[in-house]
Amino acid sequence: MASGVGDYGRAVRTTGRGAGGESGPINALRMDGLYKTYGSGENQVDALRDISVGLAAGTFTAVMGPSGSGKSTFLHCAAGLDRPTRGEVWLGDTPLSTMRETKLTRLRRDRIGFVFQAYNLLQALTVQDNITMPLRLSGRPLDRAWCDRVIAQVGIADRLRHRPAELSGGQQQRVAIARALIARPDLVLADEPTGALDSRTGGQVLALLRDIVTDMGQTVLMVTHDPVAASFAQSVLFLADGRLVERLESPTPDAVAERMTHLGDR
């Protein structure tokens, strides 16, 4: 098993001032009294309603809920892609809602890693160049020790000179995960990361996401519709009608499926 993040660079900050100004642990992500409303009058849609939740650094959290429950809006607010109508989102000790768009863009580039269902790799570039692209865009130097560790962790050391079209879907998603990790982000956001994969390959990708939490100290927030996928996380947040209605620790596929079946009763 690989050693902790402290051996390879910035350690997770665990003390300081919390989102409300109090002294104590700093979550990797925190939402306080979050509302997100679209439209007005008869066309008003409350996508998120009074969401308050914290995700501890170095944890793997899944978000589930029926269609229209607010999962995508939750993820977009966490990434600073959507600004809340009310409330605040904190990345570590940084509030996002009042940040100018140029600073938000830099924050997303430097402190948040993204993993998408469709991989979003650049077909003209090699695996190596796809992985290091975020560093070139930001003008940051490559930390070779960290890069080697990321490549070893995701298991693609023998594919670095290949192009995406020469890889399987699972291999492409491993490249996407390595790209998300290369800048040593505070938070990795995964949006249905196994939606385009078969169940066996999807399980391997989910195990990899779990491993980068336990082996590398990363923080992962994943949106999924699949109870089996959610069971790879350490906890599951359930949304219904824009509200956070339950949090399940140490989930199993059966427990997740049971909660999803009865969300309407809550």
Protein backbone atom coordinates (compact mmCIF):
# COMPACT_ATOMS: atom_id res chain seq x y z
CA MET A 1 0.00 0.00 0.00
CA ALA A 2 1.25 3.46 -0.88
CA SER A 3 2.22 5.85 1.85
CA GLY A 4 0.23 8.93 2.89
CA VAL A 5 -0.04 12.25 1.10
CA GLY A 6 2.38 13.88 3.48
CA ASP A 7 5.24 12.03 1.78
CA TYR A 8 4.46 13.59 -1.59
CA GLY A 9 3.42 17.18 -1.00
CA ARG A 10 0.66 19.24 0.49
CA ALA A 11 -0.97 17.50 3.45
CA VAL A 12 -4.67 17.96 4.12
CA ARG A 13 -5.33 20.81 6.52
CA THR A 14 -7.22 19.51 9.53
CA THR A 15 -7.24 22.44 11.92
CA GLY A 16 -8.01 26.11 11.67
CA ARG A 17 -11.19 28.12 11.38
CA GLY A 18 -14.35 26.38 10.31
CA ALA A 19 -16.99 27.67 7.91
CA GLY A 20 -18.78 29.55 10.65
CA GLY A 21 -15.59 31.14 11.98
CA GLU A 22 -15.16 28.73 14.87
CA SER A 23 -11.86 27.03 15.60
CA GLY A 24 -11.76 23.33 14.73
CA PRO A 25 -11.45 20.85 11.85
CA ILE A 26 -11.76 22.10 8.28
CA ASN A 27 -13.88 19.97 5.99
CA ALA A 28 -12.74 19.40 2.43
CA LEU A 29 -16.19 20.64 1.37
CA ARG A 30 -18.98 22.25 3.34
CA MET A 31 -22.40 23.60 2.39
CA ASP A 32 -24.21 25.86 4.86
CA GLY A 33 -27.92 26.64 4.41
CA LEU A 34 -27.68 26.21 0.65
CA TYR A 35 -30.60 27.12 -1.61
CA LYS A 36 -30.59 27.17 -5.41
CA THR A 37 -33.62 28.53 -7.22
CA TYR A 38 -34.18 28.79 -10.96
CA GLY A 39 -36.81 31.03 -12.53
CA SER A 40 -39.44 33.02 -10.66
CA GLY A 41 -43.16 33.11 -10.00
CA GLU A 42 -45.06 30.16 -11.45
CA ASN A 43 -41.89 29.03 -13.21
CA GLN A 44 -39.77 28.93 -10.06
CA VAL A 45 -37.95 25.68 -9.39
CA ASP A 46 -36.21 25.07 -6.06
CA ALA A 47 -33.40 22.74 -7.08
CA LEU A 48 -31.75 22.77 -3.62
CA ARG A 49 -33.45 23.60 -0.32
CA ASP A 50 -31.56 24.31 2.89
CA ILE A 51 -28.64 21.93 2.33
CA SER A 52 -26.15 21.87 5.20
CA VAL A 53 -23.50 19.16 5.08
CA GLY A 54 -19.77 18.70 5.54
CA LEU A 55 -17.42 16.21 3.90
CA ALA A 56 -14.34 15.40 5.94
CA ALA A 57 -11.02 15.41 4.13
CA GLY A 58 -9.88 11.99 2.97
CA THR A 59 -13.35 10.48 2.60
CA PHE A 60 -15.41 8.97 -0.24
CA THR A 61 -19.03 10.19 -0.41
CA ALA A 62 -21.73 9.25 -2.92
CA VAL A 63 -24.82 11.34 -3.72
CA MET A 64 -28.03 9.62 -4.78
CA GLY A 65 -31.62 10.56 -5.45
CA PRO A 66 -34.35 10.20 -8.07
CA SER A 67 -34.37 12.24 -11.27
CA GLY A 68 -34.95 15.89 -10.43
CA SER A 69 -33.82 15.53 -6.83
CA GLY A 70 -30.99 18.07 -7.21
CA LYS A 71 -27.96 15.79 -7.65
CA SER A 72 -26.49 17.68 -10.60
CA THR A 73 -27.12 21.07 -8.99
CA PHE A 74 -25.47 19.80 -5.79
CA LEU A 75 -22.37 18.81 -7.76
CA HIS A 76 -22.34 22.08 -9.75
CA CYS A 77 -22.54 24.16 -6.57
CA ALA A 78 -19.77 22.10 -5.00
CA ALA A 79 -17.59 22.90 -8.02
CA GLY A 80 -18.46 26.58 -8.10
CA LEU A 81 -20.11 26.11 -11.51
CA ASP A 82 -23.46 27.29 -10.10
CA ARG A 83 -23.77 30.04 -7.51
CA PRO A 84 -26.29 29.39 -4.74
CA THR A 85 -29.29 31.66 -4.37
CA ARG A 86 -28.70 31.64 -0.61
CA GLY A 87 -26.16 30.03 1.68
CA GLU A 88 -22.47 29.32 1.23
CA VAL A 89 -20.16 26.67 -0.19
CA TRP A 90 -16.70 26.28 1.35
CA LEU A 91 -13.79 24.46 -0.25
CA GLY A 92 -11.57 23.93 2.76
CA ASP A 93 -11.57 27.39 4.35
CA THR A 94 -12.34 29.22 1.08
CA PRO A 95 -15.90 30.57 0.53
CA LEU A 96 -16.99 30.32 -3.11
CA SER A 97 -20.19 32.36 -3.47
CA THR A 98 -18.57 35.82 -3.52
CA MET A 99 -15.51 34.82 -5.53
CA ARG A 100 -15.05 36.48 -8.91
CA GLU A 101 -15.38 34.20 -11.93
CA THR A 102 -11.70 34.45 -12.86
CA LYS A 103 -10.67 33.35 -9.36
CA LEU A 104 -13.26 30.57 -9.43
CA THR A 105 -11.82 29.33 -12.71
CA ARG A 106 -8.34 29.19 -11.19
CA LEU A 107 -9.69 27.49 -8.07
CA ARG A 108 -11.39 24.77 -10.14
CA ARG A 109 -8.22 24.28 -12.17
CA ASP A 110 -5.88 24.07 -9.18
CA ARG A 111 -7.95 22.61 -6.34
CA ILE A 112 -10.72 20.46 -7.89
CA GLY A 113 -10.32 17.38 -10.06
CA PHE A 114 -13.14 16.29 -12.36
CA VAL A 115 -14.02 12.79 -13.60
CA PHE A 116 -16.84 12.57 -16.15
CA GLN A 117 -18.89 9.71 -17.55
CA ALA A 118 -17.59 10.42 -21.08
CA TYR A 119 -13.87 10.62 -20.09
CA ASN A 120 -13.34 13.91 -22.04
CA LEU A 121 -9.82 13.02 -23.13
CA LEU A 122 -8.08 14.85 -25.97
CA GLN A 123 -7.82 12.31 -28.79
CA ALA A 124 -4.78 13.90 -30.45
CA LEU A 125 -2.66 13.66 -27.29
CA THR A 126 -0.93 10.70 -25.71
CA VAL A 127 -1.98 9.36 -22.32
CA GLN A 128 1.01 11.10 -20.72
CA ASP A 129 0.06 14.45 -22.26
CA ASN A 130 -3.62 14.06 -21.31
CA ILE A 131 -2.64 13.44 -17.71
CA THR A 132 -0.32 16.44 -17.45
CA MET A 133 -2.51 18.86 -19.43
CA PRO A 134 -3.89 20.63 -16.29
CA LEU A 135 -0.36 21.51 -15.21
CA ARG A 136 0.54 22.92 -18.61
CA LEU A 137 -2.63 25.03 -18.65
CA SER A 138 -1.80 26.47 -15.23
CA GLY A 139 1.92 26.88 -15.88
CA ARG A 140 2.77 24.72 -12.87
CA PRO A 141 5.85 22.47 -12.90
CA LEU A 142 5.49 18.70 -12.99
CA ASP A 143 6.23 16.97 -9.70
CA ARG A 144 7.76 13.79 -11.08
CA ALA A 145 7.48 11.81 -7.83
CA TRP A 146 3.76 12.63 -7.54
CA CYS A 147 3.16 11.95 -11.24
CA ASP A 148 4.83 8.56 -11.01
CA ARG A 149 2.78 7.71 -7.96
CA VAL A 150 -0.49 8.68 -9.65
CA ILE A 151 0.35 6.68 -12.77
CA ALA A 152 1.25 3.64 -10.66
CA GLN A 153 -1.91 3.98 -8.57
CA VAL A 154 -4.25 4.00 -11.57
CA GLY A 155 -2.34 1.21 -13.31
CA ILE A 156 -1.56 2.72 -16.72
CA ALA A 157 2.25 2.89 -16.70
CA ASP A 158 2.40 0.69 -19.81
CA ARG A 159 -0.01 2.92 -21.78
CA LEU A 160 1.63 6.34 -21.52
CA ARG A 161 2.56 6.55 -25.22
CA HIS A 162 -0.84 5.37 -26.44
CA ARG A 163 -3.66 7.64 -27.57
CA PRO A 164 -7.20 7.37 -26.14
CA ALA A 165 -8.58 5.57 -29.22
CA GLU A 166 -6.14 2.74 -28.51
CA LEU A 167 -7.50 2.19 -24.99
CA SER A 168 -10.53 0.42 -23.59
CA GLY A 169 -13.23 2.40 -21.82
CA GLY A 170 -11.92 1.38 -18.43
CA GLN A 171 -8.40 2.39 -19.34
CA GLN A 172 -9.63 5.77 -20.59
CA GLN A 173 -11.42 6.36 -17.30
CA ARG A 174 -8.22 5.49 -15.43
CA VAL A 175 -6.44 8.15 -17.49
CA ALA A 176 -9.21 10.62 -16.62
CA ILE A 177 -8.77 9.83 -12.91
CA ALA A 178 -5.01 10.33 -13.20
CA ARG A 179 -5.63 13.69 -14.90
CA ALA A 180 -7.96 14.67 -12.05
CA LEU A 181 -5.26 13.82 -9.50
CA ILE A 182 -2.20 15.34 -11.15
CA ALA A 183 -2.62 18.78 -9.55
CA ARG A 184 -3.12 17.22 -6.07
CA PRO A 185 -6.64 18.64 -5.69
CA ASP A 186 -8.47 19.24 -2.43
CA LEU A 187 -11.57 17.57 -3.90
CA VAL A 188 -12.29 15.11 -6.73
CA LEU A 189 -15.79 15.33 -8.22
CA ALA A 190 -16.98 12.27 -10.15
CA ASP A 191 -20.20 12.52 -12.19
CA GLU A 192 -21.56 9.03 -12.99
CA PRO A 193 -17.97 7.82 -13.61
CA THR A 194 -19.02 4.25 -14.49
CA GLY A 195 -22.11 5.08 -16.54
CA ALA A 196 -20.44 4.14 -19.85
CA LEU A 197 -18.73 0.99 -18.54
CA ASP A 198 -19.78 -2.64 -18.15
CA SER A 199 -20.30 -3.87 -14.60
CA ARG A 200 -16.92 -5.60 -14.27
CA THR A 201 -14.92 -2.63 -15.58
CA GLY A 202 -17.09 -0.23 -13.59
CA GLY A 203 -16.30 -2.15 -10.43
CA GLN A 204 -12.58 -1.81 -11.13
CA VAL A 205 -12.93 1.96 -11.60
CA LEU A 206 -14.95 2.28 -8.39
CA ALA A 207 -12.35 0.26 -6.49
CA LEU A 208 -9.73 2.64 -7.87
CA LEU A 209 -11.68 5.67 -6.60
CA ARG A 210 -11.90 4.01 -3.19
CA ASP A 211 -8.16 3.27 -3.27
CA ILE A 212 -7.16 6.87 -4.02
CA VAL A 213 -9.04 7.82 -0.85
CA THR A 214 -7.55 5.16 1.40
CA ASP A 215 -4.06 5.08 -0.13
CA MET A 216 -3.55 8.71 -1.18
CA GLY A 217 -5.75 10.68 1.22
CA GLN A 218 -7.88 12.21 -1.55
CA THR A 219 -11.46 13.38 -0.99
CA VAL A 220 -14.00 12.07 -3.53
CA LEU A 221 -17.60 13.18 -4.07
CA MET A 222 -19.46 11.01 -6.59
CA VAL A 223 -22.94 11.34 -8.09
CA THR A 224 -24.44 8.01 -9.12
CA HIS A 225 -27.79 6.32 -9.71
CA ASP A 226 -26.44 2.82 -9.02
CA PRO A 227 -26.72 1.31 -5.50
CA VAL A 228 -23.79 -1.01 -6.20
CA ALA A 229 -21.61 1.95 -7.20
CA ALA A 230 -22.70 3.88 -4.11
CA SER A 231 -21.72 0.95 -1.87
CA PHE A 232 -18.05 1.56 -2.74
CA ALA A 233 -18.27 4.90 -0.90
CA GLN A 234 -17.90 5.33 2.84
CA SER A 235 -21.17 7.23 3.11
CA VAL A 236 -24.15 8.08 0.90
CA LEU A 237 -26.14 11.33 0.86
CA PHE A 238 -29.75 10.97 -0.29
CA LEU A 239 -31.53 13.91 -1.94
CA ALA A 240 -35.27 14.19 -2.56
CA ASP A 241 -37.01 17.28 -3.93
CA GLY A 242 -33.87 19.32 -3.40
CA ARG A 243 -33.51 18.40 0.27
CA LEU A 244 -30.93 16.27 2.03
CA VAL A 245 -33.13 13.64 3.65
CA GLU A 246 -30.70 11.02 4.91
CA ARG A 247 -27.04 10.07 5.26
CA LEU A 248 -26.09 6.39 5.29
CA GLU A 249 -22.72 5.29 6.67
CA SER A 250 -20.92 2.10 5.58
CA PRO A 251 -23.44 1.44 2.80
CA THR A 252 -24.26 -1.91 1.23
CA PRO A 253 -26.06 -2.30 -2.12
CA ASP A 254 -29.18 -3.65 -0.40
CA ALA A 255 -29.25 -0.85 2.18
CA VAL A 256 -28.83 1.80 -0.52
CA ALA A 257 -31.55 0.25 -2.68
CA GLU A 258 -33.92 0.09 0.30
CA ARG A 259 -33.39 3.78 1.10
CA MET A 260 -33.95 4.74 -2.55
CA THR A 261 -37.19 2.75 -2.64
CA HIS A 262 -38.57 4.62 0.38
CA LEU A 263 -37.24 8.14 -0.29
CA GLY A 264 -40.71 9.31 -1.18
CA ASP A 265 -41.94 8.28 2.28
CA ARG A 266 -39.44 10.67 3.89
